[in-house]
Amino acid sequence: MSDATKVAVIGAAGRMGQEVCRAVESADGLELVGRFDEGDELGDLGGADVVVEFSVPDASPANVAHCVEQGAHVVVGTTGWSEERLATLREQVAAKEGVGVLIAPNFAIGAILMMSFAQKAAQFYESVEVIELHHPNKVDAPSGTAARTADLIGAAREEAALGDVPDATQQDPDGARGARVHGIPVHSVRLRGLVAHQEVLFGAEGEQLTIRHDSFDRVSFMPGVIAGVRGVAEHPGVTVGLEHYLGLD
């Protein structure tokens, strides 16, 4: 195993973390050298070359900063990375030449394709809304995937010189029309029995296009996580979105 890439997992006791540990242990050329969770001292990260970070939004920046300081590459699945947090992270990574950090709103290949398709469709439709559906234990809303999707759609609409999404609503004291991310309405559903699901609805006169992705099991994220682990060392600096590793950018 001397030539194997050494991998540690932060958030190893969580649902995603447990799945990541199993995926790393079964992957060729990877060696799981550390499992860390809340309250654990990260120390030297078990000598890891790459750390997979699945914690919570409040803890993630400090965890990632520690990994970068140790010279380890990081694959981050935790959401909540605002532009302000990303700017701070870019400064930290710039001080560690050669270190790569991947911030991935979603690791499911189908979800990444969904975002790519939605970005391409955005210039052709006057109306668009995003609906994301997750299990009720999810601590943030909207999901990182929904926020990323809306941001990509909003940027594509701006490039195509489209105006605001049409909406005559004047009174909505309870927020029934959802949040606005880059001008795009985003709705969050939290329902027992769900895992991770998203619909992007596009509308024009006389037609509708629906792009939907469903993850029924967390194992669906593992091929993307492993691709991130294998590719992060080849992408120094901060990369947002696994699509950049897959040639979809």
C-alpha atoms as a PDB file:
ATOM      1  CA  MET A   1       0.000   0.000   0.000  1.00  0.00           C
ATOM      2  CA  SER A   2       3.071   2.278  -0.031  1.00  0.00           C
ATOM      3  CA  ASP A   3       2.048   3.836  -3.359  1.00  0.00           C
ATOM      4  CA  ALA A   4      -1.566   4.302  -2.326  1.00  0.00           C
ATOM      5  CA  THR A   5      -3.068   7.750  -1.822  1.00  0.00           C
ATOM      6  CA  LYS A   6      -3.640   8.182   1.912  1.00  0.00           C
ATOM      7  CA  VAL A   7      -7.133   9.487   2.690  1.00  0.00           C
ATOM      8  CA  ALA A   8      -8.682  10.788   5.918  1.00  0.00           C
ATOM      9  CA  VAL A   9     -12.366  11.569   6.470  1.00  0.00           C
ATOM     10  CA  ILE A  10     -13.680  14.397   8.664  1.00  0.00           C
ATOM     11  CA  GLY A  11     -17.269  13.781   9.692  1.00  0.00           C
ATOM     12  CA  ALA A  12     -16.639  10.044   9.533  1.00  0.00           C
ATOM     13  CA  ALA A  13     -19.455   9.184  11.958  1.00  0.00           C
ATOM     14  CA  GLY A  14     -22.132  10.924   9.900  1.00  0.00           C
ATOM     15  CA  ARG A  15     -24.298   9.300   7.263  1.00  0.00           C
ATOM     16  CA  MET A  16     -22.210  10.598   4.379  1.00  0.00           C
ATOM     17  CA  GLY A  17     -18.950  10.130   6.258  1.00  0.00           C
ATOM     18  CA  GLN A  18     -19.626   6.457   6.907  1.00  0.00           C
ATOM     19  CA  GLU A  19     -20.400   5.918   3.233  1.00  0.00           C
ATOM     20  CA  VAL A  20     -17.218   7.737   2.210  1.00  0.00           C
ATOM     21  CA  CYS A  21     -15.124   5.544   4.515  1.00  0.00           C
ATOM     22  CA  ARG A  22     -16.575   2.405   2.945  1.00  0.00           C
ATOM     23  CA  ALA A  23     -15.998   3.769  -0.566  1.00  0.00           C
ATOM     24  CA  VAL A  24     -12.372   4.671   0.149  1.00  0.00           C
ATOM     25  CA  GLU A  25     -11.677   1.283   1.721  1.00  0.00           C
ATOM     26  CA  SER A  26     -13.022  -0.515  -1.347  1.00  0.00           C
ATOM     27  CA  ALA A  27     -11.339   1.717  -3.966  1.00  0.00           C
ATOM     28  CA  ASP A  28      -8.140   0.633  -5.689  1.00  0.00           C
ATOM     29  CA  GLY A  29      -5.108   2.781  -4.933  1.00  0.00           C
ATOM     30  CA  LEU A  30      -6.609   4.491  -1.874  1.00  0.00           C
ATOM     31  CA  GLU A  31      -5.849   3.846   1.789  1.00  0.00           C
ATOM     32  CA  LEU A  32      -8.049   5.095   4.639  1.00  0.00           C
ATOM     33  CA  VAL A  33      -5.667   6.420   7.302  1.00  0.00           C
ATOM     34  CA  GLY A  34      -7.930   8.515   9.527  1.00  0.00           C
ATOM     35  CA  ARG A  35     -11.510   8.885  10.735  1.00  0.00           C
ATOM     36  CA  PHE A  36     -12.312  12.127  12.534  1.00  0.00           C
ATOM     37  CA  ASP A  37     -15.514  13.500  13.969  1.00  0.00           C
ATOM     38  CA  GLU A  38     -16.780  16.227  16.297  1.00  0.00           C
ATOM     39  CA  GLY A  39     -14.472  16.701  19.258  1.00  0.00           C
ATOM     40  CA  ASP A  40     -11.521  14.859  17.738  1.00  0.00           C
ATOM     41  CA  GLU A  41      -8.112  16.490  17.462  1.00  0.00           C
ATOM     42  CA  LEU A  42      -7.231  16.644  13.783  1.00  0.00           C
ATOM     43  CA  GLY A  43      -3.504  16.832  14.420  1.00  0.00           C
ATOM     44  CA  ASP A  44      -1.489  15.648  11.450  1.00  0.00           C
ATOM     45  CA  LEU A  45      -4.612  14.052   9.904  1.00  0.00           C
ATOM     46  CA  GLY A  46      -3.037  10.615  10.117  1.00  0.00           C
ATOM     47  CA  GLY A  47      -0.535  11.589   7.453  1.00  0.00           C
ATOM     48  CA  ALA A  48      -3.279  11.909   4.838  1.00  0.00           C
ATOM     49  CA  ASP A  49      -2.519  13.136   1.333  1.00  0.00           C
ATOM     50  CA  VAL A  50      -6.206  13.951   0.766  1.00  0.00           C
ATOM     51  CA  VAL A  51      -8.941  14.731   3.286  1.00  0.00           C
ATOM     52  CA  VAL A  52     -12.642  14.332   2.538  1.00  0.00           C
ATOM     53  CA  GLU A  53     -14.607  16.832   4.638  1.00  0.00           C
ATOM     54  CA  PHE A  54     -18.296  16.210   5.385  1.00  0.00           C
ATOM     55  CA  SER A  55     -19.158  18.095   8.571  1.00  0.00           C
ATOM     56  CA  VAL A  56     -21.540  21.017   9.166  1.00  0.00           C
ATOM     57  CA  PRO A  57     -21.402  24.565   7.750  1.00  0.00           C
ATOM     58  CA  ASP A  58     -20.224  26.192  10.993  1.00  0.00           C
ATOM     59  CA  ALA A  59     -17.311  23.783  11.440  1.00  0.00           C
ATOM     60  CA  SER A  60     -16.228  23.305   7.834  1.00  0.00           C
ATOM     61  CA  PRO A  61     -14.099  26.453   7.270  1.00  0.00           C
ATOM     62  CA  ALA A  62     -11.892  25.757  10.301  1.00  0.00           C
ATOM     63  CA  ASN A  63     -11.564  22.077   9.370  1.00  0.00           C
ATOM     64  CA  VAL A  64     -10.538  22.903   5.812  1.00  0.00           C
ATOM     65  CA  ALA A  65      -8.128  25.614   6.958  1.00  0.00           C
ATOM     66  CA  HIS A  66      -6.408  23.084   9.230  1.00  0.00           C
ATOM     67  CA  CYS A  67      -6.061  20.610   6.366  1.00  0.00           C
ATOM     68  CA  VAL A  68      -4.593  23.273   4.087  1.00  0.00           C
ATOM     69  CA  GLU A  69      -2.131  24.325   6.796  1.00  0.00           C
ATOM     70  CA  GLN A  70      -1.024  20.689   7.046  1.00  0.00           C
ATOM     71  CA  GLY A  71      -0.423  20.637   3.277  1.00  0.00           C
ATOM     72  CA  ALA A  72      -3.217  18.155   2.574  1.00  0.00           C
ATOM     73  CA  HIS A  73      -5.526  18.394  -0.417  1.00  0.00           C
ATOM     74  CA  VAL A  74      -9.200  18.632   0.536  1.00  0.00           C
ATOM     75  CA  VAL A  75     -12.433  17.413  -1.033  1.00  0.00           C
ATOM     76  CA  VAL A  76     -15.317  19.274   0.618  1.00  0.00           C
ATOM     77  CA  GLY A  77     -18.925  18.115   0.570  1.00  0.00           C
ATOM     78  CA  THR A  78     -20.153  20.409   3.335  1.00  0.00           C
ATOM     79  CA  THR A  79     -22.448  23.185   2.117  1.00  0.00           C
ATOM     80  CA  GLY A  80     -22.659  26.795   3.303  1.00  0.00           C
ATOM     81  CA  TRP A  81     -19.605  28.144   1.454  1.00  0.00           C
ATOM     82  CA  SER A  82     -20.508  31.775   0.827  1.00  0.00           C
ATOM     83  CA  GLU A  83     -18.452  34.029  -1.424  1.00  0.00           C
ATOM     84  CA  GLU A  84     -16.912  35.583   1.686  1.00  0.00           C
ATOM     85  CA  ARG A  85     -15.830  32.178   2.994  1.00  0.00           C
ATOM     86  CA  LEU A  86     -14.484  31.198  -0.415  1.00  0.00           C
ATOM     87  CA  ALA A  87     -12.453  34.409  -0.613  1.00  0.00           C
ATOM     88  CA  THR A  88     -10.847  33.639   2.753  1.00  0.00           C
ATOM     89  CA  LEU A  89     -10.150  30.067   1.680  1.00  0.00           C
ATOM     90  CA  ARG A  90      -8.516  31.220  -1.556  1.00  0.00           C
ATOM     91  CA  GLU A  91      -6.111  33.372   0.464  1.00  0.00           C
ATOM     92  CA  GLN A  92      -5.277  30.412   2.711  1.00  0.00           C
ATOM     93  CA  VAL A  93      -4.695  28.079  -0.221  1.00  0.00           C
ATOM     94  CA  ALA A  94      -2.592  30.649  -2.089  1.00  0.00           C
ATOM     95  CA  ALA A  95      -0.148  30.557   0.815  1.00  0.00           C
ATOM     96  CA  LYS A  96       0.302  26.774   0.367  1.00  0.00           C
ATOM     97  CA  GLU A  97       1.703  26.242  -3.109  1.00  0.00           C
ATOM     98  CA  GLY A  98       0.416  23.129  -4.832  1.00  0.00           C
ATOM     99  CA  VAL A  99      -2.482  22.421  -2.454  1.00  0.00           C
ATOM    100  CA  GLY A 100      -5.830  21.780  -4.101  1.00  0.00           C
ATOM    101  CA  VAL A 101      -9.286  22.188  -2.557  1.00  0.00           C
ATOM    102  CA  LEU A 102     -12.484  21.043  -4.241  1.00  0.00           C
ATOM    103  CA  ILE A 103     -15.762  22.511  -2.992  1.00  0.00           C
ATOM    104  CA  ALA A 104     -18.496  20.305  -4.461  1.00  0.00           C
ATOM    105  CA  PRO A 105     -22.168  21.213  -3.942  1.00  0.00           C
ATOM    106  CA  ASN A 106     -23.048  17.713  -5.193  1.00  0.00           C
ATOM    107  CA  PHE A 107     -21.059  14.577  -6.024  1.00  0.00           C
ATOM    108  CA  ALA A 108     -23.752  12.628  -7.884  1.00  0.00           C
ATOM    109  CA  ILE A 109     -22.836  12.468 -11.575  1.00  0.00           C
ATOM    110  CA  GLY A 110     -26.498  12.859 -12.536  1.00  0.00           C
ATOM    111  CA  ALA A 111     -26.842  15.975 -10.404  1.00  0.00           C
ATOM    112  CA  ILE A 112     -23.775  17.517 -12.018  1.00  0.00           C
ATOM    113  CA  LEU A 113     -25.233  16.778 -15.457  1.00  0.00           C
ATOM    114  CA  MET A 114     -28.556  18.285 -14.317  1.00  0.00           C
ATOM    115  CA  MET A 115     -26.789  21.530 -13.407  1.00  0.00           C
ATOM    116  CA  SER A 116     -24.926  21.536 -16.710  1.00  0.00           C
ATOM    117  CA  PHE A 117     -28.126  20.939 -18.707  1.00  0.00           C
ATOM    118  CA  ALA A 118     -29.955  23.641 -16.738  1.00  0.00           C
ATOM    119  CA  GLN A 119     -27.190  26.156 -17.432  1.00  0.00           C
ATOM    120  CA  LYS A 120     -27.456  25.432 -21.158  1.00  0.00           C
ATOM    121  CA  ALA A 121     -31.263  25.669 -21.171  1.00  0.00           C
ATOM    122  CA  ALA A 122     -31.387  28.906 -19.187  1.00  0.00           C
ATOM    123  CA  GLN A 123     -30.895  31.231 -22.161  1.00  0.00           C
ATOM    124  CA  PHE A 124     -33.944  29.850 -23.992  1.00  0.00           C
ATOM    125  CA  TYR A 125     -36.699  30.245 -21.373  1.00  0.00           C
ATOM    126  CA  GLU A 126     -38.386  33.277 -19.887  1.00  0.00           C
ATOM    127  CA  SER A 127     -39.451  31.506 -16.692  1.00  0.00           C
ATOM    128  CA  VAL A 128     -37.469  29.228 -14.384  1.00  0.00           C
ATOM    129  CA  GLU A 129     -37.823  27.943 -10.833  1.00  0.00           C
ATOM    130  CA  VAL A 130     -35.874  25.430  -8.756  1.00  0.00           C
ATOM    131  CA  ILE A 131     -37.408  22.964  -6.307  1.00  0.00           C
ATOM    132  CA  GLU A 132     -35.118  20.944  -4.058  1.00  0.00           C
ATOM    133  CA  LEU A 133     -36.384  18.112  -1.856  1.00  0.00           C
ATOM    134  CA  HIS A 134     -34.404  16.534   0.997  1.00  0.00           C
ATOM    135  CA  HIS A 135     -34.757  14.550   4.206  1.00  0.00           C
ATOM    136  CA  PRO A 136     -35.825  16.576   7.283  1.00  0.00           C
ATOM    137  CA  ASN A 137     -32.471  16.141   9.046  1.00  0.00           C
ATOM    138  CA  LYS A 138     -30.768  18.473   6.580  1.00  0.00           C
ATOM    139  CA  VAL A 139     -29.642  21.568   8.496  1.00  0.00           C
ATOM    140  CA  ASP A 140     -29.438  24.138   5.685  1.00  0.00           C
ATOM    141  CA  ALA A 141     -31.811  25.495   3.085  1.00  0.00           C
ATOM    142  CA  PRO A 142     -31.665  25.924   0.215  1.00  0.00           C
ATOM    143  CA  SER A 143     -29.354  23.027  -0.536  1.00  0.00           C
ATOM    144  CA  GLY A 144     -25.905  23.724  -1.900  1.00  0.00           C
ATOM    145  CA  THR A 145     -26.912  22.058  -5.157  1.00  0.00           C
ATOM    146  CA  ALA A 146     -29.974  24.290  -5.537  1.00  0.00           C
ATOM    147  CA  ALA A 147     -27.988  27.428  -4.758  1.00  0.00           C
ATOM    148  CA  ARG A 148     -25.294  26.421  -7.248  1.00  0.00           C
ATOM    149  CA  THR A 149     -27.903  25.592  -9.903  1.00  0.00           C
ATOM    150  CA  ALA A 150     -29.662  28.922  -9.436  1.00  0.00           C
ATOM    151  CA  ASP A 151     -26.354  30.773  -9.588  1.00  0.00           C
ATOM    152  CA  LEU A 152     -25.402  29.063 -12.861  1.00  0.00           C
ATOM    153  CA  ILE A 153     -28.848  29.784 -14.326  1.00  0.00           C
ATOM    154  CA  GLY A 154     -28.764  33.412 -13.185  1.00  0.00           C
ATOM    155  CA  ALA A 155     -25.341  33.956 -14.746  1.00  0.00           C
ATOM    156  CA  ALA A 156     -26.460  32.342 -18.020  1.00  0.00           C
ATOM    157  CA  ARG A 157     -29.556  34.566 -18.125  1.00  0.00           C
ATOM    158  CA  GLU A 158     -27.439  37.660 -17.588  1.00  0.00           C
ATOM    159  CA  GLU A 159     -25.103  36.627 -20.384  1.00  0.00           C
ATOM    160  CA  ALA A 160     -28.123  36.163 -22.663  1.00  0.00           C
ATOM    161  CA  ALA A 161     -29.437  39.609 -21.634  1.00  0.00           C
ATOM    162  CA  LEU A 162     -32.665  38.170 -20.238  1.00  0.00           C
ATOM    163  CA  GLY A 163     -34.555  40.262 -17.736  1.00  0.00           C
ATOM    164  CA  ASP A 164     -36.024  39.246 -14.417  1.00  0.00           C
ATOM    165  CA  VAL A 165     -38.076  36.080 -14.161  1.00  0.00           C
ATOM    166  CA  PRO A 166     -41.701  37.190 -14.703  1.00  0.00           C
ATOM    167  CA  ASP A 167     -43.712  37.268 -11.477  1.00  0.00           C
ATOM    168  CA  ALA A 168     -46.658  39.554 -10.736  1.00  0.00           C
ATOM    169  CA  THR A 169     -46.745  38.658  -7.021  1.00  0.00           C
ATOM    170  CA  GLN A 170     -47.102  41.774  -4.901  1.00  0.00           C
ATOM    171  CA  GLN A 171     -48.053  40.298  -1.536  1.00  0.00           C
ATOM    172  CA  ASP A 172     -46.253  37.310  -0.006  1.00  0.00           C
ATOM    173  CA  PRO A 173     -45.829  37.959   3.730  1.00  0.00           C
ATOM    174  CA  ASP A 174     -45.062  34.302   4.513  1.00  0.00           C
ATOM    175  CA  GLY A 175     -42.540  33.706   1.738  1.00  0.00           C
ATOM    176  CA  ALA A 176     -44.658  31.295  -0.283  1.00  0.00           C
ATOM    177  CA  ARG A 177     -42.779  32.242  -3.446  1.00  0.00           C
ATOM    178  CA  GLY A 178     -39.542  30.883  -1.989  1.00  0.00           C
ATOM    179  CA  ALA A 179     -36.062  32.331  -1.688  1.00  0.00           C
ATOM    180  CA  ARG A 180     -34.292  34.212  -4.489  1.00  0.00           C
ATOM    181  CA  VAL A 181     -30.812  33.084  -5.468  1.00  0.00           C
ATOM    182  CA  HIS A 182     -29.231  35.149  -8.246  1.00  0.00           C
ATOM    183  CA  GLY A 183     -32.785  36.245  -9.100  1.00  0.00           C
ATOM    184  CA  ILE A 184     -34.088  32.665  -9.407  1.00  0.00           C
ATOM    185  CA  PRO A 185     -36.940  31.438  -7.157  1.00  0.00           C
ATOM    186  CA  VAL A 186     -35.810  28.435  -5.102  1.00  0.00           C
ATOM    187  CA  HIS A 187     -38.149  26.276  -3.003  1.00  0.00           C
ATOM    188  CA  SER A 188     -37.015  23.821  -0.320  1.00  0.00           C
ATOM    189  CA  VAL A 189     -39.015  20.735   0.717  1.00  0.00           C
ATOM    190  CA  ARG A 190     -38.084  18.683   3.806  1.00  0.00           C
ATOM    191  CA  LEU A 191     -39.890  15.346   3.949  1.00  0.00           C
ATOM    192  CA  ARG A 192     -39.301  12.074   5.773  1.00  0.00           C
ATOM    193  CA  GLY A 193     -38.288   9.289   3.382  1.00  0.00           C
ATOM    194  CA  LEU A 194     -36.455  11.526   0.905  1.00  0.00           C
ATOM    195  CA  VAL A 195     -32.693  11.567   0.361  1.00  0.00           C
ATOM    196  CA  ALA A 196     -31.734  14.231  -2.228  1.00  0.00           C
ATOM    197  CA  HIS A 197     -33.856  15.358  -5.164  1.00  0.00           C
ATOM    198  CA  GLN A 198     -34.125  18.421  -7.371  1.00  0.00           C
ATOM    199  CA  GLU A 199     -36.297  19.736 -10.196  1.00  0.00           C
ATOM    200  CA  VAL A 200     -35.531  22.673 -12.457  1.00  0.00           C
ATOM    201  CA  LEU A 201     -38.655  23.955 -14.180  1.00  0.00           C
ATOM    202  CA  PHE A 202     -38.335  26.045 -17.353  1.00  0.00           C
ATOM    203  CA  GLY A 203     -41.363  27.657 -18.977  1.00  0.00           C
ATOM    204  CA  ALA A 204     -42.145  29.467 -22.214  1.00  0.00           C
ATOM    205  CA  GLU A 205     -45.327  30.153 -24.120  1.00  0.00           C
ATOM    206  CA  GLY A 206     -46.937  26.761 -24.818  1.00  0.00           C
ATOM    207  CA  GLU A 207     -44.223  24.517 -23.334  1.00  0.00           C
ATOM    208  CA  GLN A 208     -42.397  23.414 -20.224  1.00  0.00           C
ATOM    209  CA  LEU A 209     -39.041  21.716 -19.766  1.00  0.00           C
ATOM    210  CA  THR A 210     -38.406  19.810 -16.518  1.00  0.00           C
ATOM    211  CA  ILE A 211     -34.935  18.592 -15.578  1.00  0.00           C
ATOM    212  CA  ARG A 212     -34.997  16.325 -12.515  1.00  0.00           C
ATOM    213  CA  HIS A 213     -32.425  14.320 -10.618  1.00  0.00           C
ATOM    214  CA  ASP A 214     -33.066  11.854  -7.777  1.00  0.00           C
ATOM    215  CA  SER A 215     -30.587  10.290  -5.378  1.00  0.00           C
ATOM    216  CA  PHE A 216     -32.319   7.410  -3.608  1.00  0.00           C
ATOM    217  CA  ASP A 217     -29.251   6.279  -1.689  1.00  0.00           C
ATOM    218  CA  ARG A 218     -26.074   8.035  -0.536  1.00  0.00           C
ATOM    219  CA  VAL A 219     -24.049   5.470  -2.443  1.00  0.00           C
ATOM    220  CA  SER A 220     -24.955   7.523  -5.540  1.00  0.00           C
ATOM    221  CA  PHE A 221     -22.508  10.210  -4.399  1.00  0.00           C
ATOM    222  CA  MET A 222     -19.523   7.902  -4.011  1.00  0.00           C
ATOM    223  CA  PRO A 223     -18.259   7.736  -7.630  1.00  0.00           C
ATOM    224  CA  GLY A 224     -18.026  11.530  -7.588  1.00  0.00           C
ATOM    225  CA  VAL A 225     -16.294  11.577  -4.204  1.00  0.00           C
ATOM    226  CA  ILE A 226     -13.705   9.068  -5.409  1.00  0.00           C
ATOM    227  CA  ALA A 227     -13.213  11.064  -8.629  1.00  0.00           C
ATOM    228  CA  GLY A 228     -12.611  14.141  -6.480  1.00  0.00           C
ATOM    229  CA  VAL A 229     -10.100  12.326  -4.288  1.00  0.00           C
ATOM    230  CA  ARG A 230      -8.214  11.046  -7.334  1.00  0.00           C
ATOM    231  CA  GLY A 231      -8.227  14.421  -9.126  1.00  0.00           C
ATOM    232  CA  VAL A 232      -7.769  17.088  -6.448  1.00  0.00           C
ATOM    233  CA  ALA A 233      -3.957  16.970  -6.430  1.00  0.00           C
ATOM    234  CA  GLU A 234      -3.964  17.792 -10.147  1.00  0.00           C
ATOM    235  CA  HIS A 235      -5.984  20.988  -9.585  1.00  0.00           C
ATOM    236  CA  PRO A 236      -4.056  23.368  -7.295  1.00  0.00           C
ATOM    237  CA  GLY A 237      -6.030  26.216  -5.796  1.00  0.00           C
ATOM    238  CA  VAL A 238      -9.742  26.336  -5.025  1.00  0.00           C
ATOM    239  CA  THR A 239     -12.178  24.716  -7.457  1.00  0.00           C
ATOM    240  CA  VAL A 240     -15.947  25.030  -7.003  1.00  0.00           C
ATOM    241  CA  GLY A 241     -17.881  22.214  -8.659  1.00  0.00           C
ATOM    242  CA  LEU A 242     -16.858  18.687  -9.594  1.00  0.00           C
ATOM    243  CA  GLU A 243     -17.827  19.431 -13.206  1.00  0.00           C
ATOM    244  CA  HIS A 244     -14.397  21.043 -13.668  1.00  0.00           C
ATOM    245  CA  TYR A 245     -12.777  17.666 -13.023  1.00  0.00           C
ATOM    246  CA  LEU A 246     -15.132  15.888 -15.441  1.00  0.00           C
ATOM    247  CA  GLY A 247     -14.701  18.106 -18.492  1.00  0.00           C
ATOM    248  CA  LEU A 248     -18.202  19.589 -18.220  1.00  0.00           C
ATOM    249  CA  ASP A 249     -17.073  23.197 -17.757  1.00  0.00           C
END
